[in-house]
Amino acid sequence: MYRSKIEDLKKWKESKNRKPLIIRGARQVGKTWLMKEFGKEQYEKCAYINFDDNIRMKKLFEEDFDLEKIIQGLKIESNVNIEPGNTLIILDEIQEEPKALKALKYFCENANEYHIVSAGSLLGVAMHEGTSFPVGKVDFLDLSPLSFFEFVEALGEVELLQLLKNNDFEMISVFDTKLKEYLKLYYYVGGMPEAVNYYVENKDLIEVRNIQKRLLEAYEQDFSKHAPTNIVPRIRQLWHNIPTQLAKENKKFIYGLVREGARAREYEIALSWLIDCGLVYQVSRVNNSKVPLSAYQDFSAFKLYLLDVGLLAALAGIDAKTLLEGNEIFEEFKGSLTEQYVLCQLKECTSLDVFYWSSDTGTAEVDFITQIGKNIIPIEVKANENLQSKSLKTFAQKYNTEANIRTSMSNYRKENWLINVPLYSIGNIEEIVS
């Protein structure tokens, strides 16, 4: 399995300003695998240390920050003779020991010849930030589930992936049917590494769904394990309500649908918890089309999405037959899965900030809006080939935007005011627009 973040790790290794690196991400998105694979590819030796329930390492970092002593302890724990330059030191589950996080500062300042990469859950790292956290002394890399491009490569379709990456739309159109089938499959399997790996090896969609359900159960167990007891019920309510919210025509999150009479202030901490641990994306409304978009956020209006399209399908209870055959039961929810898919690709393939836009009267809404360079880019999402774009046209006329994107099951084409991008190519939006 190939992860594109390997390329970012290679750049980090060669950087003259390299600092200890923290890879952040939700549970089970492949942080440990990525670090080990990087170590195997790029270093002579790899010293792996896991802090989860590791009393020895807690004691090692408890006493002081004598770096020679720490390196000696890491050598003994990993059974690897650590040498600067040719050894990658991997500190896994580092959020379990705040003093190990703090020690990264001293490695940065006094022993930067050592190459250190660590991993921690988004929630765990966020909880320690601001206390003993080494602000300004570490680099960060965020890891998400596999993108559609990575999924295609995992299926062994390397040449097909190259067409997608090159935006060779003339050739892509020849293989349009195949790409649409892979896209439907990705809606079901999603990008969680365990689910993808099992499908690639066994082609068993029933067990893929079982894997996803176990992941969802593990996340719910984390609610009880890590979150304050008094907000756990509200976290669960929010979590299970997301498919219901996305099934609405207007997908703006409404607290009254979580529980009758519910108010925002009751759920603010629960929502922050889900966002901090990387399980949920919050997409806020903007009420203008000026740079920077973030200055025009309406924080009271937002939409919520899960971290992975396959997990959304699993949480919503959509079975393989319904999804892959696309029968009537699936039609109403298909738009939700497609929006979820598009957002995930924007998050997994780019570093763009993503918002949505609606008119003050509520008569027009554009699914997503982002900024590429100096250009504001509206993105309208269509689940099939129904290509009416009234809201997008309203936005384009109101703000006189140069590049307006509609992404759908139709092939690429560029019109006077509109670019239609196939859904399977949306991860390349930056290259397509530029």
Protein backbone atom coordinates (compact mmCIF):
# COMPACT_ATOMS: atom_id res chain seq x y z
CA MET A 1 0.00 0.00 0.00
CA TYR A 2 1.36 3.41 -0.99
CA ARG A 3 0.70 6.60 0.99
CA SER A 4 1.48 9.92 -0.68
CA LYS A 5 2.60 11.40 2.67
CA ILE A 6 5.81 9.37 2.23
CA GLU A 7 6.90 12.15 -0.15
CA ASP A 8 6.38 14.76 2.59
CA LEU A 9 8.45 12.63 4.97
CA LYS A 10 11.28 12.49 2.43
CA LYS A 11 11.26 16.29 2.20
CA TRP A 12 11.31 16.48 6.00
CA LYS A 13 14.36 14.20 6.12
CA GLU A 14 16.29 16.40 3.68
CA SER A 15 15.22 19.74 5.19
CA LYS A 16 18.02 21.90 6.59
CA ASN A 17 15.55 23.17 9.18
CA ARG A 18 14.38 19.70 10.21
CA LYS A 19 12.82 19.41 13.67
CA PRO A 20 11.39 16.39 15.47
CA LEU A 21 8.18 15.47 13.64
CA ILE A 22 4.75 14.68 15.06
CA ILE A 23 2.33 12.82 12.79
CA ARG A 24 -1.23 13.59 13.84
CA GLY A 25 -4.40 11.78 12.88
CA ALA A 26 -7.42 9.88 14.13
CA ARG A 27 -7.01 6.31 15.34
CA GLN A 28 -6.43 3.64 12.71
CA VAL A 29 -5.58 5.95 9.79
CA GLY A 30 -2.15 4.30 9.38
CA LYS A 31 0.27 6.46 11.37
CA THR A 32 2.35 3.55 12.71
CA TRP A 33 2.53 1.83 9.32
CA LEU A 34 3.61 5.06 7.63
CA MET A 35 6.44 5.69 10.10
CA LYS A 36 7.74 2.13 9.87
CA GLU A 37 7.53 2.08 6.07
CA PHE A 38 9.38 5.40 5.90
CA GLY A 39 12.09 4.04 8.22
CA LYS A 40 12.44 0.89 6.15
CA GLU A 41 12.73 2.83 2.87
CA GLN A 42 14.94 5.73 3.90
CA TYR A 43 17.20 4.61 6.78
CA GLU A 44 19.69 1.87 7.52
CA LYS A 45 18.11 1.27 10.94
CA CYS A 46 14.82 1.97 12.65
CA ALA A 47 14.39 2.19 16.45
CA TYR A 48 10.70 1.74 17.29
CA ILE A 49 9.37 2.60 20.77
CA ASN A 50 5.69 2.47 21.77
CA PHE A 51 4.63 4.53 24.81
CA ASP A 52 1.25 2.84 25.27
CA ASP A 53 1.27 1.18 28.74
CA ASN A 54 5.07 1.36 28.72
CA ILE A 55 6.15 1.89 32.34
CA ARG A 56 9.87 1.75 31.47
CA MET A 57 9.62 4.69 29.07
CA LYS A 58 7.56 6.70 31.52
CA LYS A 59 10.34 6.29 34.09
CA LEU A 60 13.01 7.15 31.52
CA PHE A 61 11.43 10.54 30.77
CA GLU A 62 10.30 11.21 34.34
CA GLU A 63 13.68 11.92 35.88
CA ASP A 64 15.28 14.67 33.79
CA PHE A 65 16.10 15.59 30.22
CA ASP A 66 19.62 14.18 30.04
CA LEU A 67 19.61 13.41 26.30
CA GLU A 68 22.55 10.99 26.48
CA LYS A 69 20.70 8.97 29.10
CA ILE A 70 17.48 9.08 27.07
CA ILE A 71 19.25 7.87 23.91
CA GLN A 72 20.85 5.07 25.91
CA GLY A 73 17.42 4.06 27.24
CA LEU A 74 15.92 4.14 23.72
CA LYS A 75 18.75 1.92 22.46
CA ILE A 76 18.03 -0.66 25.17
CA GLU A 77 14.24 -0.51 24.69
CA SER A 78 14.39 -0.86 20.89
CA ASN A 79 17.45 -3.16 20.81
CA VAL A 80 18.88 -0.93 18.07
CA ASN A 81 22.22 0.90 18.17
CA ILE A 82 20.96 4.42 17.45
CA GLU A 83 23.35 6.52 15.37
CA PRO A 84 22.71 10.08 14.14
CA GLY A 85 21.81 10.31 10.45
CA ASN A 86 21.34 6.63 9.62
CA THR A 87 18.75 5.69 12.28
CA LEU A 88 15.13 6.76 12.41
CA ILE A 89 13.80 6.99 15.98
CA ILE A 90 10.03 6.28 16.07
CA LEU A 91 8.15 7.31 19.21
CA ASP A 92 4.64 5.89 18.85
CA GLU A 93 1.61 6.92 20.98
CA ILE A 94 3.72 9.78 22.32
CA GLN A 95 0.65 11.53 23.75
CA GLU A 96 0.68 8.89 26.53
CA GLU A 97 3.76 10.54 28.07
CA PRO A 98 3.64 14.38 28.17
CA LYS A 99 7.29 14.57 29.28
CA ALA A 100 8.35 12.70 26.13
CA LEU A 101 6.52 15.38 24.15
CA LYS A 102 8.41 18.05 26.10
CA ALA A 103 11.72 16.26 25.46
CA LEU A 104 11.30 16.90 21.73
CA LYS A 105 12.15 20.54 22.47
CA TYR A 106 15.55 19.54 23.87
CA PHE A 107 16.27 17.27 20.94
CA CYS A 108 15.46 20.17 18.61
CA GLU A 109 17.72 22.61 20.45
CA ASN A 110 20.61 20.38 21.54
CA ALA A 111 20.63 17.15 19.52
CA ASN A 112 19.05 17.85 16.15
CA GLU A 113 21.40 15.37 14.50
CA TYR A 114 18.94 12.67 15.58
CA HIS A 115 16.04 12.01 13.22
CA ILE A 116 12.90 11.64 15.36
CA VAL A 117 9.38 11.00 14.11
CA SER A 118 6.52 10.47 16.54
CA ALA A 119 2.81 9.78 16.30
CA GLY A 120 -0.14 10.63 18.47
CA SER A 121 -3.88 10.94 18.23
CA LEU A 122 -5.11 14.43 17.36
CA LEU A 123 -6.98 14.54 20.66
CA GLY A 124 -4.01 13.41 22.75
CA VAL A 125 -1.64 15.95 21.21
CA ALA A 126 -4.23 18.74 21.49
CA MET A 127 -4.80 18.01 25.19
CA HIS A 128 -1.12 18.55 25.96
CA GLU A 129 -0.62 21.56 23.72
CA GLY A 130 0.01 24.70 25.74
CA THR A 131 1.18 22.91 28.90
CA SER A 132 4.46 21.06 28.41
CA PHE A 133 4.08 21.23 24.65
CA PRO A 134 7.24 22.12 22.65
CA VAL A 135 5.72 25.07 20.77
CA GLY A 136 7.81 26.02 17.73
CA LYS A 137 10.23 23.13 18.31
CA VAL A 138 8.46 20.43 16.29
CA ASP A 139 7.18 19.91 12.76
CA PHE A 140 3.71 18.51 12.08
CA LEU A 141 2.26 16.19 9.45
CA ASP A 142 -1.47 15.38 9.40
CA LEU A 143 -2.55 11.95 8.15
CA SER A 144 -6.06 11.11 6.92
CA PRO A 145 -7.59 7.92 5.46
CA LEU A 146 -6.53 6.88 1.94
CA SER A 147 -7.69 9.21 -0.82
CA PHE A 148 -9.44 7.89 -3.94
CA PHE A 149 -6.13 8.19 -5.81
CA GLU A 150 -4.38 6.04 -3.20
CA PHE A 151 -7.29 3.58 -3.33
CA VAL A 152 -6.91 3.22 -7.12
CA GLU A 153 -3.19 2.56 -6.66
CA ALA A 154 -3.92 -0.01 -3.93
CA LEU A 155 -6.11 -1.84 -6.48
CA GLY A 156 -3.04 -2.15 -8.70
CA GLU A 157 -4.22 0.38 -11.29
CA VAL A 158 -0.95 2.31 -11.50
CA GLU A 159 -1.31 3.36 -15.16
CA LEU A 160 -4.91 4.49 -14.61
CA LEU A 161 -3.78 6.54 -11.63
CA GLN A 162 -1.13 8.19 -13.80
CA LEU A 163 -3.84 9.34 -16.22
CA LEU A 164 -5.74 10.88 -13.31
CA LYS A 165 -2.69 12.63 -11.92
CA ASN A 166 -1.76 13.99 -15.35
CA ASN A 167 -5.31 15.27 -15.98
CA ASP A 168 -5.24 13.51 -19.34
CA PHE A 169 -9.00 13.88 -19.78
CA GLU A 170 -9.06 12.62 -23.37
CA MET A 171 -7.66 9.26 -22.27
CA ILE A 172 -9.53 9.35 -18.96
CA SER A 173 -12.84 9.49 -20.86
CA VAL A 174 -11.96 6.15 -22.51
CA PHE A 175 -11.86 4.51 -19.07
CA ASP A 176 -14.76 6.53 -17.62
CA THR A 177 -16.95 3.47 -16.92
CA LYS A 178 -14.17 1.71 -15.03
CA LEU A 179 -13.41 4.79 -12.94
CA LYS A 180 -17.10 5.20 -12.04
CA GLU A 181 -17.21 1.60 -10.82
CA TYR A 182 -14.11 2.19 -8.69
CA LEU A 183 -15.70 5.37 -7.35
CA LYS A 184 -18.85 3.50 -6.26
CA LEU A 185 -16.62 0.88 -4.66
CA TYR A 186 -14.69 3.59 -2.81
CA TYR A 187 -17.95 5.03 -1.48
CA TYR A 188 -18.45 1.64 0.19
CA VAL A 189 -14.90 0.63 1.19
CA GLY A 190 -13.68 4.14 1.97
CA GLY A 191 -10.09 4.89 2.88
CA MET A 192 -9.48 3.34 6.31
CA PRO A 193 -6.30 1.28 5.75
CA GLU A 194 -7.56 -1.94 7.37
CA ALA A 195 -10.73 -1.92 5.24
CA VAL A 196 -8.84 -1.13 2.03
CA ASN A 197 -6.16 -3.75 2.67
CA TYR A 198 -8.74 -6.45 3.41
CA TYR A 199 -10.73 -5.66 0.27
CA VAL A 200 -7.62 -5.67 -1.93
CA GLU A 201 -6.55 -9.07 -0.59
CA ASN A 202 -9.95 -10.79 -0.27
CA LYS A 203 -12.58 -8.84 -2.30
CA ASP A 204 -15.04 -9.53 0.54
CA LEU A 205 -17.40 -6.57 0.98
CA ILE A 206 -19.31 -8.15 3.87
CA GLU A 207 -16.17 -8.43 5.99
CA VAL A 208 -15.15 -4.90 4.93
CA ARG A 209 -18.39 -3.65 6.47
CA ASN A 210 -17.69 -5.69 9.63
CA ILE A 211 -14.25 -4.05 9.87
CA GLN A 212 -15.85 -0.61 9.55
CA LYS A 213 -18.40 -1.43 12.25
CA ARG A 214 -15.60 -2.54 14.58
CA LEU A 215 -13.78 0.74 13.92
CA LEU A 216 -16.95 2.68 14.74
CA GLU A 217 -17.33 0.68 17.96
CA ALA A 218 -13.69 1.38 18.87
CA TYR A 219 -14.26 5.11 18.39
CA GLU A 220 -17.32 4.95 20.64
CA GLN A 221 -15.28 3.14 23.29
CA ASP A 222 -12.79 6.02 23.08
CA PHE A 223 -15.61 8.42 23.95
CA SER A 224 -16.03 6.70 27.32
CA LYS A 225 -12.32 6.15 27.85
CA HIS A 226 -11.03 9.66 27.15
CA ALA A 227 -13.86 12.18 27.28
CA PRO A 228 -15.27 13.68 30.51
CA THR A 229 -18.08 11.44 31.74
CA ASN A 230 -20.72 14.18 31.72
CA ILE A 231 -20.34 14.90 27.98
CA VAL A 232 -20.10 11.29 26.70
CA PRO A 233 -23.89 10.98 26.07
CA ARG A 234 -23.85 14.20 24.02
CA ILE A 235 -20.84 13.04 22.01
CA ARG A 236 -22.72 9.85 21.15
CA GLN A 237 -25.86 11.80 20.22
CA LEU A 238 -23.93 14.11 17.88
CA TRP A 239 -21.97 11.23 16.35
CA HIS A 240 -25.04 9.11 15.53
CA ASN A 241 -27.00 12.10 14.26
CA ILE A 242 -24.57 13.07 11.49
CA PRO A 243 -26.09 10.75 8.81
CA THR A 244 -29.55 12.19 9.61
CA GLN A 245 -28.28 15.75 9.24
CA LEU A 246 -26.55 14.98 5.92
CA ALA A 247 -29.67 13.29 4.53
CA LYS A 248 -31.51 16.64 4.65
CA GLU A 249 -31.69 18.73 1.49
CA ASN A 250 -30.29 21.63 3.48
CA LYS A 251 -27.36 20.02 5.29
CA LYS A 252 -26.78 22.84 7.78
CA PHE A 253 -26.42 21.25 11.21
CA ILE A 254 -29.51 21.75 13.39
CA TYR A 255 -29.20 20.95 17.10
CA GLY A 256 -32.96 20.46 17.35
CA LEU A 257 -32.60 17.30 15.26
CA VAL A 258 -30.16 15.83 17.79
CA ARG A 259 -32.67 16.22 20.60
CA GLU A 260 -35.89 18.21 20.71
CA GLY A 261 -35.25 21.58 22.29
CA ALA A 262 -31.46 21.18 22.22
CA ARG A 263 -29.31 24.32 22.24
CA ALA A 264 -25.83 24.91 20.87
CA ARG A 265 -24.27 25.66 24.27
CA GLU A 266 -25.23 22.16 25.51
CA TYR A 267 -23.21 20.50 22.75
CA GLU A 268 -20.27 22.85 22.17
CA ILE A 269 -17.77 20.83 24.24
CA ALA A 270 -18.96 17.53 22.76
CA LEU A 271 -18.57 18.92 19.24
CA SER A 272 -15.09 20.28 19.98
CA TRP A 273 -14.10 16.85 21.31
CA LEU A 274 -15.16 15.10 18.07
CA ILE A 275 -13.32 17.68 15.97
CA ASP A 276 -10.16 17.57 18.12
CA CYS A 277 -9.84 13.81 17.85
CA GLY A 278 -10.12 13.98 14.05
CA LEU A 279 -13.39 12.07 13.69
CA VAL A 280 -15.45 14.94 12.33
CA TYR A 281 -14.90 17.78 9.86
CA GLN A 282 -16.73 21.04 10.55
CA VAL A 283 -17.41 23.15 7.43
CA SER A 284 -18.54 26.68 8.31
CA ARG A 285 -20.69 28.99 6.22
CA VAL A 286 -19.20 32.12 4.68
CA ASN A 287 -21.38 35.05 3.72
CA ASN A 288 -19.04 36.68 1.22
CA SER A 289 -16.51 35.88 -1.50
CA LYS A 290 -13.55 37.97 -0.45
CA VAL A 291 -9.99 37.04 0.48
CA PRO A 292 -9.37 35.64 3.04
CA LEU A 293 -12.50 33.53 3.27
CA SER A 294 -11.81 32.70 6.93
CA ALA A 295 -12.57 36.33 7.84
CA TYR A 296 -16.16 35.93 6.67
CA GLN A 297 -17.15 32.80 8.57
CA ASP A 298 -20.56 32.56 10.18
CA PHE A 299 -19.72 30.33 13.15
CA SER A 300 -23.39 29.73 13.96
CA ALA A 301 -23.99 27.95 10.64
CA PHE A 302 -22.00 24.84 9.71
CA LYS A 303 -22.18 21.32 8.29
CA LEU A 304 -20.61 18.21 9.86
CA TYR A 305 -19.01 15.31 7.99
CA LEU A 306 -17.20 12.16 9.14
CA LEU A 307 -13.51 11.56 8.50
CA ASP A 308 -14.24 8.85 5.89
CA VAL A 309 -16.92 8.16 3.28
CA GLY A 310 -16.92 4.40 3.96
CA LEU A 311 -17.49 4.99 7.67
CA LEU A 312 -20.41 7.29 6.87
CA ALA A 313 -21.97 4.56 4.70
CA ALA A 314 -21.44 2.07 7.54
CA LEU A 315 -22.87 4.41 10.20
CA ALA A 316 -25.89 5.06 7.96
CA GLY A 317 -26.41 1.31 7.49
CA ILE A 318 -26.14 1.28 3.68
CA ASP A 319 -25.41 -2.24 2.44
CA ALA A 320 -23.28 -3.19 -0.55
CA LYS A 321 -26.17 -4.07 -2.86
CA THR A 322 -27.93 -0.77 -2.22
CA LEU A 323 -24.79 1.25 -2.79
CA LEU A 324 -23.26 -0.53 -5.77
CA GLU A 325 -26.51 -1.06 -7.68
CA GLY A 326 -27.79 2.42 -6.84
CA ASN A 327 -31.45 1.51 -6.39
CA GLU A 328 -34.21 3.83 -5.22
CA ILE A 329 -33.48 3.38 -1.49
CA PHE A 330 -30.00 4.76 -2.11
CA GLU A 331 -31.04 7.73 -4.26
CA GLU A 332 -31.97 10.09 -1.40
CA PHE A 333 -28.73 9.54 0.51
CA LYS A 334 -26.45 9.40 -2.52
CA GLY A 335 -25.98 13.18 -2.53
CA SER A 336 -24.78 13.02 1.07
CA LEU A 337 -22.18 10.35 0.31
CA THR A 338 -21.00 12.31 -2.71
CA GLU A 339 -20.57 15.50 -0.68
CA GLN A 340 -18.77 13.49 2.01
CA TYR A 341 -16.49 12.01 -0.67
CA VAL A 342 -15.66 15.40 -2.21
CA LEU A 343 -14.85 16.96 1.16
CA CYS A 344 -12.57 14.02 2.05
CA GLN A 345 -10.67 14.40 -1.22
CA LEU A 346 -10.19 18.12 -0.61
CA LYS A 347 -8.88 17.32 2.88
CA GLU A 348 -6.75 14.31 1.86
CA CYS A 349 -5.26 15.60 -1.40
CA THR A 350 -4.85 19.32 -0.66
CA SER A 351 -4.18 21.68 2.23
CA LEU A 352 -7.05 23.98 1.26
CA ASP A 353 -9.41 25.50 3.81
CA VAL A 354 -12.98 24.53 2.93
CA PHE A 355 -16.24 26.41 3.65
CA TYR A 356 -19.72 26.54 2.14
CA TRP A 357 -21.80 29.49 0.95
CA SER A 358 -25.49 30.28 1.12
CA SER A 359 -27.34 33.46 0.23
CA ASP A 360 -28.76 35.57 3.06
CA THR A 361 -32.26 34.69 1.88
CA GLY A 362 -31.45 30.95 1.86
CA THR A 363 -32.60 30.57 -1.76
CA ALA A 364 -29.16 29.57 -3.06
CA GLU A 365 -26.36 27.43 -1.63
CA VAL A 366 -22.98 26.28 -2.97
CA ASP A 367 -21.78 23.02 -1.41
CA PHE A 368 -18.15 24.05 -0.92
CA ILE A 369 -16.06 27.15 -1.43
CA THR A 370 -12.28 27.44 -1.16
CA GLN A 371 -9.39 29.69 -2.09
CA ILE A 372 -6.68 28.66 -4.57
CA GLY A 373 -4.01 31.32 -4.81
CA LYS A 374 -5.84 34.62 -5.05
CA ASN A 375 -8.93 33.04 -6.59
CA ILE A 376 -12.13 32.14 -4.75
CA ILE A 377 -13.37 28.81 -6.12
CA PRO A 378 -16.99 27.68 -5.62
CA ILE A 379 -17.60 23.93 -5.96
CA GLU A 380 -21.01 22.46 -6.66
CA VAL A 381 -21.39 18.71 -6.09
CA LYS A 382 -23.71 16.55 -8.20
CA ALA A 383 -24.23 12.89 -7.33
CA ASN A 384 -25.17 11.91 -10.89
CA GLU A 385 -25.49 13.58 -14.30
CA ASN A 386 -28.28 16.01 -13.46
CA LEU A 387 -26.29 19.09 -14.36
CA GLN A 388 -28.53 22.02 -13.43
CA SER A 389 -26.37 24.53 -11.54
CA LYS A 390 -28.68 27.34 -10.52
CA SER A 391 -27.00 28.12 -7.18
CA LEU A 392 -23.52 28.01 -8.72
CA LYS A 393 -24.62 30.39 -11.48
CA THR A 394 -26.17 32.72 -8.90
CA PHE A 395 -22.85 32.78 -6.99
CA ALA A 396 -20.77 33.32 -10.16
CA GLN A 397 -22.94 36.23 -11.28
CA LYS A 398 -23.06 37.81 -7.82
CA TYR A 399 -19.29 37.70 -7.22
CA ASN A 400 -17.98 37.56 -10.82
CA THR A 401 -15.69 34.59 -10.06
CA GLU A 402 -13.32 33.44 -12.81
CA ALA A 403 -13.22 29.68 -12.09
CA ASN A 404 -16.42 27.90 -11.07
CA ILE A 405 -16.32 24.15 -10.50
CA ARG A 406 -19.11 21.62 -10.85
CA THR A 407 -18.07 18.08 -10.01
CA SER A 408 -20.29 15.26 -11.21
CA MET A 409 -20.39 11.88 -12.96
CA SER A 410 -20.03 13.66 -16.32
CA ASN A 411 -16.76 13.96 -18.21
CA TYR A 412 -14.46 16.96 -18.07
CA ARG A 413 -15.49 19.97 -20.07
CA LYS A 414 -14.80 23.68 -19.89
CA GLU A 415 -17.49 26.20 -20.72
CA ASN A 416 -17.46 30.00 -20.68
CA TRP A 417 -18.11 30.33 -16.96
CA LEU A 418 -17.94 26.72 -15.72
CA ILE A 419 -15.52 23.79 -15.49
CA ASN A 420 -17.11 20.35 -15.07
CA VAL A 421 -14.66 18.10 -13.22
CA PRO A 422 -15.39 14.35 -12.98
CA LEU A 423 -15.85 13.28 -9.36
CA TYR A 424 -12.93 10.87 -9.62
CA SER A 425 -10.60 13.79 -10.50
CA ILE A 426 -11.64 16.28 -7.81
CA GLY A 427 -8.53 15.53 -5.72
CA ASN A 428 -6.57 17.31 -8.46
CA ILE A 429 -8.57 20.52 -8.25
CA GLU A 430 -5.54 22.75 -7.65
CA GLU A 431 -3.80 21.56 -10.83
CA ILE A 432 -7.03 21.69 -12.86
CA VAL A 433 -7.80 25.26 -11.84
CA SER A 434 -4.23 26.49 -12.35
